Amino acid sequence: MTLTVNDVYQAIQAGDVSLAFDTSAMSRGGFIPLCERVTRINVKRDALGLPGKIKLCIPAVAYTERLFHMAQEYGDEYNIDVVHHTLSRFQIMVPDFTDLDAEYCAELLAQRYGTPAEWYAFKKRRCLECAGLSPRYYDEAKGTGQQCGAPNDWLIIAQASREGVLLVMDDEGRGGEYDLVARKARSIVVRDALERLLKELI
């Protein structure tokens, strides 16, 4: 379910809530401003003695992907200490991908793709999409899809879904896997909800 601004606002108003960031939500310029808004809201709530805290986290696999992208972007200037400083500054947690997450992910996959042939077909379609090809080329493309890589998205949604967080994401989720996340919202939606709450706290 993709949440609206009002949905996100109500979730935050209801009390403690955890926002988990997908790789796509960290790859654009709005990530740090979002974290800053959350910090301001938490500080104001504490000062006013109001209950509820917004917690921030990054699923372990999304964290891996983002670090990889940053290492490519910054090259020799890449510094993990800067990343650690940002995590500490905004109290962002990176929960371990545990055996329970692995088991949950396997169950999700098995429910969606009950046979190896169905799984290979999904991977083949996904590879065609990633290459910018229309699905009509599916039957013409050689191979079963068995050798295609499995997307990391499944690991991210499994951890986010099992822990019941609100997943902040800007990916289209072309494989349809993101429909398994109970609560998800785009960065701009979360930003607008946070702004609404900030104005009320001033």
C-alpha atoms as a PDB file:
ATOM      1  CA  MET A   1       0.000   0.000   0.000  1.00  0.00           C
ATOM      2  CA  THR A   2       1.425   3.367  -1.041  1.00  0.00           C
ATOM      3  CA  LEU A   3       0.615   5.970   1.593  1.00  0.00           C
ATOM      4  CA  THR A   4      -0.607   9.513   1.030  1.00  0.00           C
ATOM      5  CA  VAL A   5       0.627  12.620   2.853  1.00  0.00           C
ATOM      6  CA  ASN A   6      -2.306  12.328   5.242  1.00  0.00           C
ATOM      7  CA  ASP A   7      -1.564   8.629   5.872  1.00  0.00           C
ATOM      8  CA  VAL A   8       2.069   9.380   6.753  1.00  0.00           C
ATOM      9  CA  TYR A   9       1.054  12.357   8.897  1.00  0.00           C
ATOM     10  CA  GLN A  10      -1.397  10.221  10.870  1.00  0.00           C
ATOM     11  CA  ALA A  11       1.180   7.461  11.324  1.00  0.00           C
ATOM     12  CA  ILE A  12       3.647   9.962  12.770  1.00  0.00           C
ATOM     13  CA  GLN A  13       0.980  11.588  14.941  1.00  0.00           C
ATOM     14  CA  ALA A  14      -0.038   8.204  16.355  1.00  0.00           C
ATOM     15  CA  GLY A  15       3.250   7.832  18.223  1.00  0.00           C
ATOM     16  CA  ASP A  16       6.509   6.026  17.679  1.00  0.00           C
ATOM     17  CA  VAL A  17       7.189   5.244  14.032  1.00  0.00           C
ATOM     18  CA  SER A  18      10.239   3.977  12.149  1.00  0.00           C
ATOM     19  CA  LEU A  19      11.138   5.267   8.695  1.00  0.00           C
ATOM     20  CA  ALA A  20      13.327   2.909   6.669  1.00  0.00           C
ATOM     21  CA  PHE A  21      15.082   4.232   3.576  1.00  0.00           C
ATOM     22  CA  ASP A  22      15.290   2.245   0.367  1.00  0.00           C
ATOM     23  CA  THR A  23      18.376   2.797  -1.812  1.00  0.00           C
ATOM     24  CA  SER A  24      16.344   4.923  -4.220  1.00  0.00           C
ATOM     25  CA  ALA A  25      15.335   7.321  -1.423  1.00  0.00           C
ATOM     26  CA  MET A  26      18.972   7.890  -0.461  1.00  0.00           C
ATOM     27  CA  SER A  27      20.277   8.477  -3.972  1.00  0.00           C
ATOM     28  CA  ARG A  28      18.751  11.902  -4.431  1.00  0.00           C
ATOM     29  CA  GLY A  29      19.297  15.231  -2.728  1.00  0.00           C
ATOM     30  CA  GLY A  30      16.336  14.994  -0.369  1.00  0.00           C
ATOM     31  CA  PHE A  31      17.714  12.392   2.049  1.00  0.00           C
ATOM     32  CA  ILE A  32      19.642  14.694   4.399  1.00  0.00           C
ATOM     33  CA  PRO A  33      16.866  17.359   4.483  1.00  0.00           C
ATOM     34  CA  LEU A  34      14.405  14.618   5.433  1.00  0.00           C
ATOM     35  CA  CYS A  35      16.638  13.501   8.287  1.00  0.00           C
ATOM     36  CA  GLU A  36      17.011  17.117   9.429  1.00  0.00           C
ATOM     37  CA  ARG A  37      13.222  17.541   9.538  1.00  0.00           C
ATOM     38  CA  VAL A  38      12.882  14.386  11.610  1.00  0.00           C
ATOM     39  CA  THR A  39      15.508  15.644  14.066  1.00  0.00           C
ATOM     40  CA  ARG A  40      13.711  18.977  14.427  1.00  0.00           C
ATOM     41  CA  ILE A  41      10.395  17.248  15.091  1.00  0.00           C
ATOM     42  CA  ASN A  42      11.911  14.921  17.698  1.00  0.00           C
ATOM     43  CA  VAL A  43      13.635  17.835  19.465  1.00  0.00           C
ATOM     44  CA  LYS A  44      10.428  19.913  19.526  1.00  0.00           C
ATOM     45  CA  ARG A  45       8.381  16.996  20.799  1.00  0.00           C
ATOM     46  CA  ASP A  46      10.884  16.395  23.599  1.00  0.00           C
ATOM     47  CA  ALA A  47      10.903  20.088  24.514  1.00  0.00           C
ATOM     48  CA  LEU A  48       7.104  20.163  24.676  1.00  0.00           C
ATOM     49  CA  GLY A  49       6.919  16.876  26.570  1.00  0.00           C
ATOM     50  CA  LEU A  50       4.967  15.238  23.776  1.00  0.00           C
ATOM     51  CA  PRO A  51       5.041  11.447  23.299  1.00  0.00           C
ATOM     52  CA  GLY A  52       6.174   9.755  20.125  1.00  0.00           C
ATOM     53  CA  LYS A  53       9.525   9.514  18.400  1.00  0.00           C
ATOM     54  CA  ILE A  54      10.433   9.140  14.738  1.00  0.00           C
ATOM     55  CA  LYS A  55      13.200   6.591  14.351  1.00  0.00           C
ATOM     56  CA  LEU A  56      15.346   6.283  11.229  1.00  0.00           C
ATOM     57  CA  CYS A  57      16.915   3.152   9.798  1.00  0.00           C
ATOM     58  CA  ILE A  58      18.426   1.776   6.623  1.00  0.00           C
ATOM     59  CA  PRO A  59      17.947  -1.907   5.756  1.00  0.00           C
ATOM     60  CA  ALA A  60      21.347  -3.598   5.610  1.00  0.00           C
ATOM     61  CA  VAL A  61      21.154  -4.421   1.889  1.00  0.00           C
ATOM     62  CA  ALA A  62      20.084  -0.864   0.988  1.00  0.00           C
ATOM     63  CA  TYR A  63      23.021   0.397   3.051  1.00  0.00           C
ATOM     64  CA  THR A  64      25.347  -1.885   1.094  1.00  0.00           C
ATOM     65  CA  GLU A  65      24.013  -0.612  -2.237  1.00  0.00           C
ATOM     66  CA  ARG A  66      24.307   3.034  -1.216  1.00  0.00           C
ATOM     67  CA  LEU A  67      27.876   2.611   0.036  1.00  0.00           C
ATOM     68  CA  PHE A  68      28.785   0.926  -3.244  1.00  0.00           C
ATOM     69  CA  HIS A  69      27.312   3.831  -5.232  1.00  0.00           C
ATOM     70  CA  MET A  70      29.155   6.364  -3.066  1.00  0.00           C
ATOM     71  CA  ALA A  71      32.461   4.528  -3.423  1.00  0.00           C
ATOM     72  CA  GLN A  72      32.044   4.675  -7.197  1.00  0.00           C
ATOM     73  CA  GLU A  73      30.991   8.333  -7.132  1.00  0.00           C
ATOM     74  CA  TYR A  74      33.742   9.645  -4.874  1.00  0.00           C
ATOM     75  CA  GLY A  75      36.581   7.286  -5.782  1.00  0.00           C
ATOM     76  CA  ASP A  76      39.714   8.042  -3.743  1.00  0.00           C
ATOM     77  CA  GLU A  77      37.823  10.706  -1.773  1.00  0.00           C
ATOM     78  CA  TYR A  78      35.325   8.173  -0.442  1.00  0.00           C
ATOM     79  CA  ASN A  79      35.503   8.166   3.364  1.00  0.00           C
ATOM     80  CA  ILE A  80      33.437   5.765   5.469  1.00  0.00           C
ATOM     81  CA  ASP A  81      34.022   7.980   8.527  1.00  0.00           C
ATOM     82  CA  VAL A  82      31.864  10.671   6.889  1.00  0.00           C
ATOM     83  CA  VAL A  83      29.090   8.114   6.504  1.00  0.00           C
ATOM     84  CA  HIS A  84      29.434   7.029  10.130  1.00  0.00           C
ATOM     85  CA  HIS A  85      29.238  10.668  11.210  1.00  0.00           C
ATOM     86  CA  THR A  86      25.967  11.101   9.308  1.00  0.00           C
ATOM     87  CA  LEU A  87      24.506   7.956  10.862  1.00  0.00           C
ATOM     88  CA  SER A  88      25.483   9.156  14.329  1.00  0.00           C
ATOM     89  CA  ARG A  89      24.284  12.730  13.738  1.00  0.00           C
ATOM     90  CA  PHE A  90      20.778  11.613  12.821  1.00  0.00           C
ATOM     91  CA  GLN A  91      20.735   8.480  15.014  1.00  0.00           C
ATOM     92  CA  ILE A  92      20.177   6.260  11.977  1.00  0.00           C
ATOM     93  CA  MET A  93      20.293   2.553  12.702  1.00  0.00           C
ATOM     94  CA  VAL A  94      21.385  -0.141  10.243  1.00  0.00           C
ATOM     95  CA  PRO A  95      19.715  -3.310  11.555  1.00  0.00           C
ATOM     96  CA  ASP A  96      21.451  -6.574  10.761  1.00  0.00           C
ATOM     97  CA  PHE A  97      19.944  -8.801   8.091  1.00  0.00           C
ATOM     98  CA  THR A  98      19.286 -11.780  10.333  1.00  0.00           C
ATOM     99  CA  ASP A  99      18.313 -15.400   9.911  1.00  0.00           C
ATOM    100  CA  LEU A 100      14.696 -14.363  10.543  1.00  0.00           C
ATOM    101  CA  ASP A 101      14.873 -11.881   7.668  1.00  0.00           C
ATOM    102  CA  ALA A 102      16.341 -14.580   5.434  1.00  0.00           C
ATOM    103  CA  GLU A 103      13.591 -17.028   6.362  1.00  0.00           C
ATOM    104  CA  TYR A 104      10.883 -14.416   5.815  1.00  0.00           C
ATOM    105  CA  CYS A 105      12.334 -13.464   2.431  1.00  0.00           C
ATOM    106  CA  ALA A 106      12.396 -17.108   1.348  1.00  0.00           C
ATOM    107  CA  GLU A 107       8.734 -17.463   2.323  1.00  0.00           C
ATOM    108  CA  LEU A 108       7.764 -14.355   0.342  1.00  0.00           C
ATOM    109  CA  LEU A 109       9.603 -15.622  -2.717  1.00  0.00           C
ATOM    110  CA  ALA A 110       8.113 -19.095  -2.458  1.00  0.00           C
ATOM    111  CA  GLN A 111       4.599 -17.657  -2.176  1.00  0.00           C
ATOM    112  CA  ARG A 112       5.091 -15.479  -5.255  1.00  0.00           C
ATOM    113  CA  TYR A 113       7.134 -17.970  -7.334  1.00  0.00           C
ATOM    114  CA  GLY A 114       6.128 -21.515  -6.478  1.00  0.00           C
ATOM    115  CA  THR A 115       8.374 -23.289  -9.000  1.00  0.00           C
ATOM    116  CA  PRO A 116      11.909 -22.737 -10.368  1.00  0.00           C
ATOM    117  CA  ALA A 117      10.392 -22.066 -13.817  1.00  0.00           C
ATOM    118  CA  GLU A 118       8.291 -19.192 -12.439  1.00  0.00           C
ATOM    119  CA  TRP A 119      11.333 -17.705 -10.692  1.00  0.00           C
ATOM    120  CA  TYR A 120      13.503 -17.951 -13.800  1.00  0.00           C
ATOM    121  CA  ALA A 121      10.739 -16.366 -15.893  1.00  0.00           C
ATOM    122  CA  PHE A 122      10.535 -13.444 -13.461  1.00  0.00           C
ATOM    123  CA  LYS A 123      14.315 -12.926 -13.578  1.00  0.00           C
ATOM    124  CA  LYS A 124      14.319 -13.095 -17.365  1.00  0.00           C
ATOM    125  CA  ARG A 125      11.570 -10.464 -17.619  1.00  0.00           C
ATOM    126  CA  ARG A 126      13.401  -8.281 -15.115  1.00  0.00           C
ATOM    127  CA  CYS A 127      16.632  -8.517 -17.096  1.00  0.00           C
ATOM    128  CA  LEU A 128      14.820  -7.462 -20.267  1.00  0.00           C
ATOM    129  CA  GLU A 129      13.309  -4.494 -18.440  1.00  0.00           C
ATOM    130  CA  CYS A 130      16.678  -3.462 -17.031  1.00  0.00           C
ATOM    131  CA  ALA A 131      18.087  -3.540 -20.560  1.00  0.00           C
ATOM    132  CA  GLY A 132      15.252  -1.296 -21.721  1.00  0.00           C
ATOM    133  CA  LEU A 133      13.584  -3.969 -23.828  1.00  0.00           C
ATOM    134  CA  SER A 134       9.849  -4.484 -24.169  1.00  0.00           C
ATOM    135  CA  PRO A 135       8.337  -7.627 -22.582  1.00  0.00           C
ATOM    136  CA  ARG A 136       7.312  -8.678 -26.099  1.00  0.00           C
ATOM    137  CA  TYR A 137      10.899  -9.804 -26.604  1.00  0.00           C
ATOM    138  CA  TYR A 138      10.533 -12.369 -23.833  1.00  0.00           C
ATOM    139  CA  ASP A 139       9.864 -15.318 -26.124  1.00  0.00           C
ATOM    140  CA  GLU A 140      12.562 -14.245 -28.581  1.00  0.00           C
ATOM    141  CA  ALA A 141      15.277 -13.865 -25.948  1.00  0.00           C
ATOM    142  CA  LYS A 142      17.423 -16.957 -25.621  1.00  0.00           C
ATOM    143  CA  GLY A 143      17.799 -18.670 -22.289  1.00  0.00           C
ATOM    144  CA  THR A 144      15.438 -19.524 -19.462  1.00  0.00           C
ATOM    145  CA  GLY A 145      16.488 -16.723 -17.101  1.00  0.00           C
ATOM    146  CA  GLN A 146      18.172 -19.130 -14.686  1.00  0.00           C
ATOM    147  CA  GLN A 147      21.505 -17.346 -15.074  1.00  0.00           C
ATOM    148  CA  CYS A 148      20.054 -13.847 -14.480  1.00  0.00           C
ATOM    149  CA  GLY A 149      20.941 -12.197 -11.186  1.00  0.00           C
ATOM    150  CA  ALA A 150      18.281 -11.931  -8.485  1.00  0.00           C
ATOM    151  CA  PRO A 151      17.460  -8.341  -7.470  1.00  0.00           C
ATOM    152  CA  ASN A 152      18.506  -7.072  -4.057  1.00  0.00           C
ATOM    153  CA  ASP A 153      15.068  -5.478  -3.761  1.00  0.00           C
ATOM    154  CA  TRP A 154      13.694  -8.708  -2.333  1.00  0.00           C
ATOM    155  CA  LEU A 155      16.135  -8.626   0.592  1.00  0.00           C
ATOM    156  CA  ILE A 156      15.262  -4.999   1.344  1.00  0.00           C
ATOM    157  CA  ILE A 157      11.507  -5.504   1.259  1.00  0.00           C
ATOM    158  CA  ALA A 158      11.755  -8.663   3.370  1.00  0.00           C
ATOM    159  CA  GLN A 159      13.577  -6.853   6.167  1.00  0.00           C
ATOM    160  CA  ALA A 160      11.358  -3.771   5.956  1.00  0.00           C
ATOM    161  CA  SER A 161       8.153  -5.798   5.742  1.00  0.00           C
ATOM    162  CA  ARG A 162       9.000  -8.162   8.592  1.00  0.00           C
ATOM    163  CA  GLU A 163       9.916  -5.316  10.930  1.00  0.00           C
ATOM    164  CA  GLY A 164       6.776  -3.340  10.072  1.00  0.00           C
ATOM    165  CA  VAL A 165       8.521  -0.067   9.273  1.00  0.00           C
ATOM    166  CA  LEU A 166       7.332   2.616   6.875  1.00  0.00           C
ATOM    167  CA  LEU A 167       9.548   2.198   3.810  1.00  0.00           C
ATOM    168  CA  VAL A 168      10.570   5.460   2.134  1.00  0.00           C
ATOM    169  CA  MET A 169      11.226   4.636  -1.519  1.00  0.00           C
ATOM    170  CA  ASP A 170      11.249   6.283  -4.935  1.00  0.00           C
ATOM    171  CA  ASP A 171      11.743   3.105  -6.982  1.00  0.00           C
ATOM    172  CA  GLU A 172       8.975   1.933  -9.275  1.00  0.00           C
ATOM    173  CA  GLY A 173       9.460  -1.687  -8.215  1.00  0.00           C
ATOM    174  CA  ARG A 174       8.936  -2.953 -11.753  1.00  0.00           C
ATOM    175  CA  GLY A 175       8.973  -6.579 -10.722  1.00  0.00           C
ATOM    176  CA  GLY A 176       5.915  -6.058  -8.549  1.00  0.00           C
ATOM    177  CA  GLU A 177       7.769  -7.084  -5.399  1.00  0.00           C
ATOM    178  CA  TYR A 178       7.155  -3.791  -3.590  1.00  0.00           C
ATOM    179  CA  ASP A 179       3.434  -4.514  -3.380  1.00  0.00           C
ATOM    180  CA  LEU A 180       4.386  -6.902  -0.569  1.00  0.00           C
ATOM    181  CA  VAL A 181       5.432  -3.984   1.672  1.00  0.00           C
ATOM    182  CA  ALA A 182       2.544  -3.130   3.971  1.00  0.00           C
ATOM    183  CA  ARG A 183       3.466   0.555   4.312  1.00  0.00           C
ATOM    184  CA  LYS A 184       5.526   2.538   1.815  1.00  0.00           C
ATOM    185  CA  ALA A 185       5.654   6.169   0.705  1.00  0.00           C
ATOM    186  CA  ARG A 186       7.647   8.362  -1.648  1.00  0.00           C
ATOM    187  CA  SER A 187      10.215  10.812  -0.284  1.00  0.00           C
ATOM    188  CA  ILE A 188       8.186  13.849  -1.336  1.00  0.00           C
ATOM    189  CA  VAL A 189       5.118  12.486   0.476  1.00  0.00           C
ATOM    190  CA  VAL A 190       7.102  11.924   3.688  1.00  0.00           C
ATOM    191  CA  ARG A 191       8.660  15.378   3.357  1.00  0.00           C
ATOM    192  CA  ASP A 192       5.266  17.057   3.061  1.00  0.00           C
ATOM    193  CA  ALA A 193       3.908  15.129   6.047  1.00  0.00           C
ATOM    194  CA  LEU A 194       6.914  16.140   8.160  1.00  0.00           C
ATOM    195  CA  GLU A 195       6.528  19.768   7.099  1.00  0.00           C
ATOM    196  CA  ARG A 196       2.873  19.702   8.136  1.00  0.00           C
ATOM    197  CA  LEU A 197       3.783  18.397  11.566  1.00  0.00           C
ATOM    198  CA  LEU A 198       6.641  20.879  11.967  1.00  0.00           C
ATOM    199  CA  LYS A 199       4.315  23.810  11.322  1.00  0.00           C
ATOM    200  CA  GLU A 200       1.971  22.566  14.015  1.00  0.00           C
ATOM    201  CA  LEU A 201       4.806  22.305  16.537  1.00  0.00           C
ATOM    202  CA  ILE A 202       6.103  25.853  15.971  1.00  0.00           C
END
